[in-house]
C-alpha atoms as a PDB file:
ATOM      1  CA  MET A   1       5.250  -7.867  10.397  1.00  0.00           C
ATOM      2  CA  THR A   2       6.771  -6.117   7.549  1.00  0.00           C
ATOM      3  CA  TRP A   3       5.551  -3.247   5.174  1.00  0.00           C
ATOM      4  CA  ASN A   4       6.175  -1.187   2.098  1.00  0.00           C
ATOM      5  CA  TYR A   5       4.424   1.450  -0.058  1.00  0.00           C
ATOM      6  CA  ARG A   6       2.166   0.030  -2.595  1.00  0.00           C
ATOM      7  CA  VAL A   7      -0.560   1.553  -5.143  1.00  0.00           C
ATOM      8  CA  VAL A   8      -3.770   0.173  -3.974  1.00  0.00           C
ATOM      9  CA  ARG A   9      -6.816   0.452  -6.357  1.00  0.00           C
ATOM     10  CA  PHE A  10     -10.128   1.361  -5.030  1.00  0.00           C
ATOM     11  CA  ASP A  11     -13.577   1.142  -6.593  1.00  0.00           C
ATOM     12  CA  SER A  12     -16.522   2.960  -5.234  1.00  0.00           C
ATOM     13  CA  GLU A  13     -19.946   3.865  -6.508  1.00  0.00           C
ATOM     14  CA  ALA A  14     -19.431   7.503  -5.542  1.00  0.00           C
ATOM     15  CA  MET A  15     -15.947   8.110  -7.239  1.00  0.00           C
ATOM     16  CA  GLY A  16     -15.535   4.983  -9.431  1.00  0.00           C
ATOM     17  CA  GLU A  17     -12.076   3.556  -9.748  1.00  0.00           C
ATOM     18  CA  TYR A  18      -9.184   5.562  -8.263  1.00  0.00           C
ATOM     19  CA  PHE A  19      -5.740   4.853  -6.724  1.00  0.00           C
ATOM     20  CA  GLU A  20      -3.790   5.661  -3.609  1.00  0.00           C
ATOM     21  CA  ILE A  21      -0.268   5.186  -2.298  1.00  0.00           C
ATOM     22  CA  LYS A  22      -0.682   3.225   0.963  1.00  0.00           C
ATOM     23  CA  GLU A  23       1.724   1.693   3.669  1.00  0.00           C
ATOM     24  CA  VAL A  24       0.870  -1.904   3.076  1.00  0.00           C
ATOM     25  CA  PHE A  25       1.487  -4.363   5.871  1.00  0.00           C
ATOM     26  CA  TYR A  26       2.369  -8.274   5.394  1.00  0.00           C
ATOM     27  CA  ASP A  27       2.055 -10.970   8.116  1.00  0.00           C
ATOM     28  CA  LYS A  28       4.731 -13.408   8.847  1.00  0.00           C
ATOM     29  CA  SER A  29       4.022 -15.552   5.663  1.00  0.00           C
ATOM     30  CA  GLY A  30       4.217 -12.461   3.435  1.00  0.00           C
ATOM     31  CA  GLU A  31       0.378 -12.248   2.998  1.00  0.00           C
ATOM     32  CA  LEU A  32      -1.391  -8.869   2.911  1.00  0.00           C
ATOM     33  CA  ALA A  33      -2.356  -8.027   6.481  1.00  0.00           C
ATOM     34  CA  GLY A  34      -3.747  -4.400   6.064  1.00  0.00           C
ATOM     35  CA  TYR A  35      -2.974  -0.933   5.021  1.00  0.00           C
ATOM     36  CA  SER A  36      -2.850   2.509   6.606  1.00  0.00           C
ATOM     37  CA  GLU A  37      -2.658   5.994   5.177  1.00  0.00           C
ATOM     38  CA  ALA A  38       0.601   6.862   3.653  1.00  0.00           C
ATOM     39  CA  SER A  39       2.397   9.983   4.785  1.00  0.00           C
ATOM     40  CA  VAL A  40       5.804  11.585   4.032  1.00  0.00           C
ATOM     41  CA  PHE A  41       7.305  11.734   7.554  1.00  0.00           C
ATOM     42  CA  SER A  42      11.036  11.888   8.785  1.00  0.00           C
ATOM     43  CA  ASP A  43      13.019  13.110  11.624  1.00  0.00           C
ATOM     44  CA  THR A  44      15.424  14.713   8.972  1.00  0.00           C
ATOM     45  CA  TYR A  45      14.907  16.820   6.089  1.00  0.00           C
ATOM     46  CA  ASP A  46      16.901  14.590   3.790  1.00  0.00           C
ATOM     47  CA  GLY A  47      14.823  11.682   5.060  1.00  0.00           C
ATOM     48  CA  LEU A  48      11.695  13.205   3.450  1.00  0.00           C
ATOM     49  CA  PHE A  49      13.228  12.726   0.063  1.00  0.00           C
ATOM     50  CA  GLU A  50      14.211   9.065   0.901  1.00  0.00           C
ATOM     51  CA  CYS A  51      10.316   8.454   1.781  1.00  0.00           C
ATOM     52  CA  LEU A  52       9.222  10.076  -1.509  1.00  0.00           C
ATOM     53  CA  ASP A  53      11.717   7.814  -3.348  1.00  0.00           C
ATOM     54  CA  LEU A  54      10.172   4.734  -1.697  1.00  0.00           C
ATOM     55  CA  MET A  55       6.804   6.097  -2.659  1.00  0.00           C
ATOM     56  CA  LYS A  56       7.857   6.319  -6.137  1.00  0.00           C
ATOM     57  CA  ALA A  57       9.183   2.885  -6.330  1.00  0.00           C
ATOM     58  CA  ALA A  58       5.765   1.615  -5.399  1.00  0.00           C
ATOM     59  CA  THR A  59       4.548   2.684  -8.811  1.00  0.00           C
ATOM     60  CA  ALA A  60       6.941   0.127 -10.430  1.00  0.00           C
ATOM     61  CA  LYS A  61       5.185  -2.810  -8.452  1.00  0.00           C
ATOM     62  CA  PRO A  62       2.014  -4.436  -9.403  1.00  0.00           C
ATOM     63  CA  VAL A  63      -1.242  -2.615  -8.117  1.00  0.00           C
ATOM     64  CA  ILE A  64      -3.072  -4.345  -5.192  1.00  0.00           C
ATOM     65  CA  ASP A  65      -6.841  -4.206  -5.258  1.00  0.00           C
ATOM     66  CA  GLU A  66      -8.268  -3.042  -2.037  1.00  0.00           C
ATOM     67  CA  LYS A  67     -10.823  -5.974  -2.021  1.00  0.00           C
ATOM     68  CA  ASP A  68      -7.899  -8.271  -1.769  1.00  0.00           C
ATOM     69  CA  PHE A  69      -7.329  -7.245   1.835  1.00  0.00           C
ATOM     70  CA  PHE A  70     -10.846  -8.110   2.917  1.00  0.00           C
ATOM     71  CA  TYR A  71     -12.095 -10.834   0.787  1.00  0.00           C
ATOM     72  CA  LYS A  72      -9.566 -13.598   0.894  1.00  0.00           C
ATOM     73  CA  THR A  73     -10.678 -17.072  -0.111  1.00  0.00           C
ATOM     74  CA  ASP A  74      -9.599 -20.408   1.160  1.00  0.00           C
ATOM     75  CA  THR A  75      -7.801 -22.291  -1.374  1.00  0.00           C
ATOM     76  CA  ALA A  76      -7.254 -25.503   0.758  1.00  0.00           C
END
């Protein structure tokens, strides 16, 4: 399983559309497998800035819709 930071779009009745940076996980075939809360964590001070750089890089990638994690369709 691999992961990276990605921007995920959410849509709720209460808040409308909003975006969060998440840790996104992929299965062995590279398909979306899930996400968790993103956090800035490191065992070194400089590592915090490396983590922030990775989060910033997520904004250059396509946005993932939250619904794509849970409502996959079979194309076979």
